[in-house]
Amino acid sequence: MATSKSTFQKRQKEMKRQEKQRAKAERRAQKKLAGPSEAEPLMEPLTGPLYDPQGNFSDPDPES
């Protein structure tokens, strides 16, 4: 009878894992629908060379 008990426990564990995965996917979908919040400022893309106030340009990937 030990095998049926372990089978039942495995089934319960798998069902719990699937429910947790489903809840996580639902939270992600809700967060995606809500969009960025006020606490999260939008990031600005960095393009072009970096500029220094003294007028010097710095190369982000210097060649040796």
PDB file of N, CA and C in Angstrom:
ATOM      1  N   MET A   1       0.808  -1.210   0.000  1.00  0.00           N
ATOM      2  CA  MET A   1       0.000   0.000   0.000  1.00  0.00           C
ATOM      3  C   MET A   1       0.847   1.268   0.000  1.00  0.00           C
ATOM      4  N   ALA A   2       2.121   1.137   0.255  1.00  0.00           N
ATOM      5  CA  ALA A   2       2.985   2.319   0.303  1.00  0.00           C
ATOM      6  C   ALA A   2       3.061   3.003  -1.056  1.00  0.00           C
ATOM      7  N   THR A   3       2.939   2.227  -2.124  1.00  0.00           N
ATOM      8  CA  THR A   3       3.046   2.819  -3.449  1.00  0.00           C
ATOM      9  C   THR A   3       1.858   3.728  -3.759  1.00  0.00           C
ATOM     10  N   SER A   4       0.666   3.362  -3.325  1.00  0.00           N
ATOM     11  CA  SER A   4      -0.490   4.218  -3.609  1.00  0.00           C
ATOM     12  C   SER A   4      -0.403   5.530  -2.830  1.00  0.00           C
ATOM     13  N   LYS A   5       0.168   5.463  -1.619  1.00  0.00           N
ATOM     14  CA  LYS A   5       0.331   6.695  -0.837  1.00  0.00           C
ATOM     15  C   LYS A   5       1.345   7.625  -1.513  1.00  0.00           C
ATOM     16  N   SER A   6       2.458   7.055  -1.976  1.00  0.00           N
ATOM     17  CA  SER A   6       3.466   7.894  -2.631  1.00  0.00           C
ATOM     18  C   SER A   6       2.942   8.412  -3.965  1.00  0.00           C
ATOM     19  N   THR A   7       2.139   7.614  -4.671  1.00  0.00           N
ATOM     20  CA  THR A   7       1.546   8.064  -5.929  1.00  0.00           C
ATOM     21  C   THR A   7       0.618   9.237  -5.671  1.00  0.00           C
ATOM     22  N   PHE A   8      -0.186   9.129  -4.624  1.00  0.00           N
ATOM     23  CA  PHE A   8      -1.101  10.208  -4.267  1.00  0.00           C
ATOM     24  C   PHE A   8      -0.326  11.481  -3.921  1.00  0.00           C
ATOM     25  N   GLN A   9       0.753  11.339  -3.155  1.00  0.00           N
ATOM     26  CA  GLN A   9       1.568  12.486  -2.775  1.00  0.00           C
ATOM     27  C   GLN A   9       2.217  13.125  -4.003  1.00  0.00           C
ATOM     28  N   LYS A  10       2.698  12.303  -4.917  1.00  0.00           N
ATOM     29  CA  LYS A  10       3.294  12.837  -6.147  1.00  0.00           C
ATOM     30  C   LYS A  10       2.251  13.598  -6.951  1.00  0.00           C
ATOM     31  N   ARG A  11       1.053  13.043  -7.040  1.00  0.00           N
ATOM     32  CA  ARG A  11      -0.024  13.697  -7.790  1.00  0.00           C
ATOM     33  C   ARG A  11      -0.388  15.040  -7.154  1.00  0.00           C
ATOM     34  N   GLN A  12      -0.470  15.070  -5.829  1.00  0.00           N
ATOM     35  CA  GLN A  12      -0.783  16.312  -5.123  1.00  0.00           C
ATOM     36  C   GLN A  12       0.318  17.353  -5.348  1.00  0.00           C
ATOM     37  N   LYS A  13       1.551  16.909  -5.296  1.00  0.00           N
ATOM     38  CA  LYS A  13       2.683  17.809  -5.502  1.00  0.00           C
ATOM     39  C   LYS A  13       2.650  18.387  -6.917  1.00  0.00           C
ATOM     40  N   GLU A  14       2.372  17.534  -7.910  1.00  0.00           N
ATOM     41  CA  GLU A  14       2.304  17.989  -9.294  1.00  0.00           C
ATOM     42  C   GLU A  14       1.150  18.965  -9.497  1.00  0.00           C
ATOM     43  N   MET A  15       0.005  18.699  -8.892  1.00  0.00           N
ATOM     44  CA  MET A  15      -1.147  19.589  -9.010  1.00  0.00           C
ATOM     45  C   MET A  15      -0.836  20.943  -8.378  1.00  0.00           C
ATOM     46  N   LYS A  16      -0.151  20.937  -7.246  1.00  0.00           N
ATOM     47  CA  LYS A  16       0.236  22.180  -6.574  1.00  0.00           C
ATOM     48  C   LYS A  16       1.202  22.971  -7.442  1.00  0.00           C
ATOM     49  N   ARG A  17       2.147  22.282  -8.069  1.00  0.00           N
ATOM     50  CA  ARG A  17       3.117  22.940  -8.955  1.00  0.00           C
ATOM     51  C   ARG A  17       2.413  23.584 -10.150  1.00  0.00           C
ATOM     52  N   GLN A  18       1.473  22.858 -10.743  1.00  0.00           N
ATOM     53  CA  GLN A  18       0.738  23.397 -11.892  1.00  0.00           C
ATOM     54  C   GLN A  18      -0.104  24.604 -11.500  1.00  0.00           C
ATOM     55  N   GLU A  19      -0.727  24.557 -10.337  1.00  0.00           N
ATOM     56  CA  GLU A  19      -1.537  25.688  -9.868  1.00  0.00           C
ATOM     57  C   GLU A  19      -0.666  26.911  -9.624  1.00  0.00           C
ATOM     58  N   LYS A  20       0.501  26.695  -9.050  1.00  0.00           N
ATOM     59  CA  LYS A  20       1.440  27.792  -8.807  1.00  0.00           C
ATOM     60  C   LYS A  20       1.892  28.403 -10.132  1.00  0.00           C
ATOM     61  N   GLN A  21       2.158  27.556 -11.131  1.00  0.00           N
ATOM     62  CA  GLN A  21       2.577  28.024 -12.448  1.00  0.00           C
ATOM     63  C   GLN A  21       1.445  28.821 -13.103  1.00  0.00           C
ATOM     64  N   ARG A  22       0.213  28.361 -12.967  1.00  0.00           N
ATOM     65  CA  ARG A  22      -0.940  29.054 -13.527  1.00  0.00           C
ATOM     66  C   ARG A  22      -1.120  30.429 -12.884  1.00  0.00           C
ATOM     67  N   ALA A  23      -0.961  30.486 -11.553  1.00  0.00           N
ATOM     68  CA  ALA A  23      -1.104  31.753 -10.830  1.00  0.00           C
ATOM     69  C   ALA A  23      -0.009  32.739 -11.252  1.00  0.00           C
ATOM     70  N   LYS A  24       1.191  32.239 -11.446  1.00  0.00           N
ATOM     71  CA  LYS A  24       2.303  33.090 -11.858  1.00  0.00           C
ATOM     72  C   LYS A  24       2.044  33.662 -13.249  1.00  0.00           C
ATOM     73  N   ALA A  25       1.549  32.839 -14.157  1.00  0.00           N
ATOM     74  CA  ALA A  25       1.240  33.306 -15.509  1.00  0.00           C
ATOM     75  C   ALA A  25       0.139  34.360 -15.469  1.00  0.00           C
ATOM     76  N   GLU A  26      -0.835  34.177 -14.590  1.00  0.00           N
ATOM     77  CA  GLU A  26      -1.918  35.154 -14.454  1.00  0.00           C
ATOM     78  C   GLU A  26      -1.388  36.485 -13.923  1.00  0.00           C
ATOM     79  N   ARG A  27      -0.486  36.437 -12.927  1.00  0.00           N
ATOM     80  CA  ARG A  27       0.109  37.665 -12.396  1.00  0.00           C
ATOM     81  C   ARG A  27       0.892  38.400 -13.480  1.00  0.00           C
ATOM     82  N   ARG A  28       1.640  37.651 -14.298  1.00  0.00           N
ATOM     83  CA  ARG A  28       2.402  38.273 -15.385  1.00  0.00           C
ATOM     84  C   ARG A  28       1.464  38.958 -16.378  1.00  0.00           C
ATOM     85  N   ALA A  29       0.366  38.281 -16.718  1.00  0.00           N
ATOM     86  CA  ALA A  29      -0.586  38.854 -17.671  1.00  0.00           C
ATOM     87  C   ALA A  29      -1.217  40.122 -17.109  1.00  0.00           C
ATOM     88  N   GLN A  30      -1.557  40.125 -15.822  1.00  0.00           N
ATOM     89  CA  GLN A  30      -2.146  41.308 -15.195  1.00  0.00           C
ATOM     90  C   GLN A  30      -1.149  42.461 -15.200  1.00  0.00           C
ATOM     91  N   LYS A  31       0.105  42.156 -14.903  1.00  0.00           N
ATOM     92  CA  LYS A  31       1.140  43.192 -14.868  1.00  0.00           C
ATOM     93  C   LYS A  31       1.366  43.764 -16.262  1.00  0.00           C
ATOM     94  N   LYS A  32       1.317  42.891 -17.275  1.00  0.00           N
ATOM     95  CA  LYS A  32       1.512  43.340 -18.646  1.00  0.00           C
ATOM     96  C   LYS A  32       0.358  44.240 -19.084  1.00  0.00           C
ATOM     97  N   LEU A  33      -0.873  43.906 -18.698  1.00  0.00           N
ATOM     98  CA  LEU A  33      -2.039  44.712 -19.052  1.00  0.00           C
ATOM     99  C   LEU A  33      -2.010  46.070 -18.354  1.00  0.00           C
ATOM    100  N   ALA A  34      -1.512  46.101 -17.121  1.00  0.00           N
ATOM    101  CA  ALA A  34      -1.483  47.330 -16.340  1.00  0.00           C
ATOM    102  C   ALA A  34      -0.472  48.329 -16.903  1.00  0.00           C
ATOM    103  N   GLY A  35       0.565  47.837 -17.534  1.00  0.00           N
ATOM    104  CA  GLY A  35       1.597  48.724 -18.078  1.00  0.00           C
ATOM    105  C   GLY A  35       2.520  49.212 -16.983  1.00  0.00           C
ATOM    106  N   PRO A  36       3.433  50.128 -17.323  1.00  0.00           N
ATOM    107  CA  PRO A  36       4.369  50.628 -16.311  1.00  0.00           C
ATOM    108  C   PRO A  36       3.647  51.504 -15.285  1.00  0.00           C
ATOM    109  N   SER A  37       4.047  51.363 -14.047  1.00  0.00           N
ATOM    110  CA  SER A  37       3.431  52.160 -12.982  1.00  0.00           C
ATOM    111  C   SER A  37       4.174  53.488 -12.845  1.00  0.00           C
ATOM    112  N   GLU A  38       3.640  54.367 -12.022  1.00  0.00           N
ATOM    113  CA  GLU A  38       4.277  55.665 -11.787  1.00  0.00           C
ATOM    114  C   GLU A  38       5.611  55.500 -11.064  1.00  0.00           C
ATOM    115  N   ALA A  39       5.731  54.448 -10.262  1.00  0.00           N
ATOM    116  CA  ALA A  39       6.964  54.217  -9.508  1.00  0.00           C
ATOM    117  C   ALA A  39       8.099  53.786 -10.436  1.00  0.00           C
ATOM    118  N   GLU A  40       7.738  53.198 -11.579  1.00  0.00           N
ATOM    119  CA  GLU A  40       8.748  52.744 -12.527  1.00  0.00           C
ATOM    120  C   GLU A  40       8.903  53.765 -13.641  1.00  0.00           C
ATOM    121  N   PRO A  41       9.946  54.574 -13.600  1.00  0.00           N
ATOM    122  CA  PRO A  41      10.130  55.544 -14.683  1.00  0.00           C
ATOM    123  C   PRO A  41      10.499  54.819 -15.975  1.00  0.00           C
ATOM    124  N   LEU A  42      10.077  55.339 -17.101  1.00  0.00           N
ATOM    125  CA  LEU A  42      10.427  54.744 -18.373  1.00  0.00           C
ATOM    126  C   LEU A  42      11.902  54.969 -18.644  1.00  0.00           C
ATOM    127  N   MET A  43      12.532  53.971 -19.210  1.00  0.00           N
ATOM    128  CA  MET A  43      13.959  54.087 -19.511  1.00  0.00           C
ATOM    129  C   MET A  43      14.118  54.707 -20.886  1.00  0.00           C
ATOM    130  N   GLU A  44      15.078  55.596 -21.009  1.00  0.00           N
ATOM    131  CA  GLU A  44      15.384  56.215 -22.281  1.00  0.00           C
ATOM    132  C   GLU A  44      16.492  55.422 -22.957  1.00  0.00           C
ATOM    133  N   PRO A  45      16.337  55.123 -24.243  1.00  0.00           N
ATOM    134  CA  PRO A  45      17.399  54.378 -24.932  1.00  0.00           C
ATOM    135  C   PRO A  45      18.633  55.255 -25.115  1.00  0.00           C
ATOM    136  N   LEU A  46      19.780  54.650 -24.940  1.00  0.00           N
ATOM    137  CA  LEU A  46      21.047  55.364 -25.134  1.00  0.00           C
ATOM    138  C   LEU A  46      21.526  55.102 -26.554  1.00  0.00           C
ATOM    139  N   THR A  47      21.663  56.150 -27.331  1.00  0.00           N
ATOM    140  CA  THR A  47      22.151  56.000 -28.694  1.00  0.00           C
ATOM    141  C   THR A  47      23.281  56.992 -28.920  1.00  0.00           C
ATOM    142  N   GLY A  48      24.173  56.639 -29.768  1.00  0.00           N
ATOM    143  CA  GLY A  48      25.277  57.524 -30.102  1.00  0.00           C
ATOM    144  C   GLY A  48      26.379  57.510 -29.068  1.00  0.00           C
ATOM    145  N   PRO A  49      27.405  58.302 -29.301  1.00  0.00           N
ATOM    146  CA  PRO A  49      28.537  58.345 -28.359  1.00  0.00           C
ATOM    147  C   PRO A  49      28.155  59.083 -27.076  1.00  0.00           C
ATOM    148  N   LEU A  50      28.861  58.773 -26.034  1.00  0.00           N
ATOM    149  CA  LEU A  50      28.649  59.449 -24.753  1.00  0.00           C
ATOM    150  C   LEU A  50      29.293  60.830 -24.812  1.00  0.00           C
ATOM    151  N   TYR A  51      28.649  61.815 -24.223  1.00  0.00           N
ATOM    152  CA  TYR A  51      29.140  63.183 -24.279  1.00  0.00           C
ATOM    153  C   TYR A  51      29.551  63.663 -22.907  1.00  0.00           C
ATOM    154  N   ASP A  52      30.660  64.308 -22.833  1.00  0.00           N
ATOM    155  CA  ASP A  52      31.240  64.841 -21.605  1.00  0.00           C
ATOM    156  C   ASP A  52      31.012  66.358 -21.589  1.00  0.00           C
ATOM    157  N   PRO A  53      30.673  66.985 -20.436  1.00  0.00           N
ATOM    158  CA  PRO A  53      30.444  68.434 -20.390  1.00  0.00           C
ATOM    159  C   PRO A  53      31.618  69.268 -20.892  1.00  0.00           C
ATOM    160  N   GLN A  54      32.851  68.756 -20.816  1.00  0.00           N
ATOM    161  CA  GLN A  54      34.003  69.497 -21.312  1.00  0.00           C
ATOM    162  C   GLN A  54      34.122  69.416 -22.835  1.00  0.00           C
ATOM    163  N   GLY A  55      33.231  68.666 -23.474  1.00  0.00           N
ATOM    164  CA  GLY A  55      33.256  68.568 -24.928  1.00  0.00           C
ATOM    165  C   GLY A  55      34.047  67.387 -25.441  1.00  0.00           C
ATOM    166  N   ASN A  56      34.456  66.504 -24.572  1.00  0.00           N
ATOM    167  CA  ASN A  56      35.194  65.319 -24.996  1.00  0.00           C
ATOM    168  C   ASN A  56      34.216  64.175 -25.217  1.00  0.00           C
ATOM    169  N   PHE A  57      34.403  63.460 -26.298  1.00  0.00           N
ATOM    170  CA  PHE A  57      33.579  62.281 -26.532  1.00  0.00           C
ATOM    171  C   PHE A  57      34.317  61.078 -25.989  1.00  0.00           C
ATOM    172  N   SER A  58      33.584  60.172 -25.388  1.00  0.00           N
ATOM    173  CA  SER A  58      34.210  58.951 -24.914  1.00  0.00           C
ATOM    174  C   SER A  58      33.646  57.774 -25.691  1.00  0.00           C
ATOM    175  N   ASP A  59      34.500  56.882 -26.088  1.00  0.00           N
ATOM    176  CA  ASP A  59      34.098  55.699 -26.835  1.00  0.00           C
ATOM    177  C   ASP A  59      33.729  54.621 -25.837  1.00  0.00           C
ATOM    178  N   PRO A  60      32.473  54.120 -25.873  1.00  0.00           N
ATOM    179  CA  PRO A  60      32.082  53.096 -24.903  1.00  0.00           C
ATOM    180  C   PRO A  60      32.839  51.788 -25.083  1.00  0.00           C
ATOM    181  N   ASP A  61      33.382  51.519 -26.281  1.00  0.00           N
ATOM    182  CA  ASP A  61      34.124  50.290 -26.549  1.00  0.00           C
ATOM    183  C   ASP A  61      35.472  50.631 -27.178  1.00  0.00           C
ATOM    184  N   PRO A  62      36.440  51.057 -26.357  1.00  0.00           N
ATOM    185  CA  PRO A  62      37.734  51.468 -26.924  1.00  0.00           C
ATOM    186  C   PRO A  62      38.463  50.292 -27.540  1.00  0.00           C
ATOM    187  N   GLU A  63      39.114  50.548 -28.656  1.00  0.00           N
ATOM    188  CA  GLU A  63      39.907  49.510 -29.311  1.00  0.00           C
ATOM    189  C   GLU A  63      41.335  49.610 -28.833  1.00  0.00           C
ATOM    190  N   SER A  64      41.969  48.457 -28.612  1.00  0.00           N
ATOM    191  CA  SER A  64      43.347  48.428 -28.110  1.00  0.00           C
ATOM    192  C   SER A  64      44.343  48.494 -29.224  1.00  0.00           C
TER     193      SER A  64
END
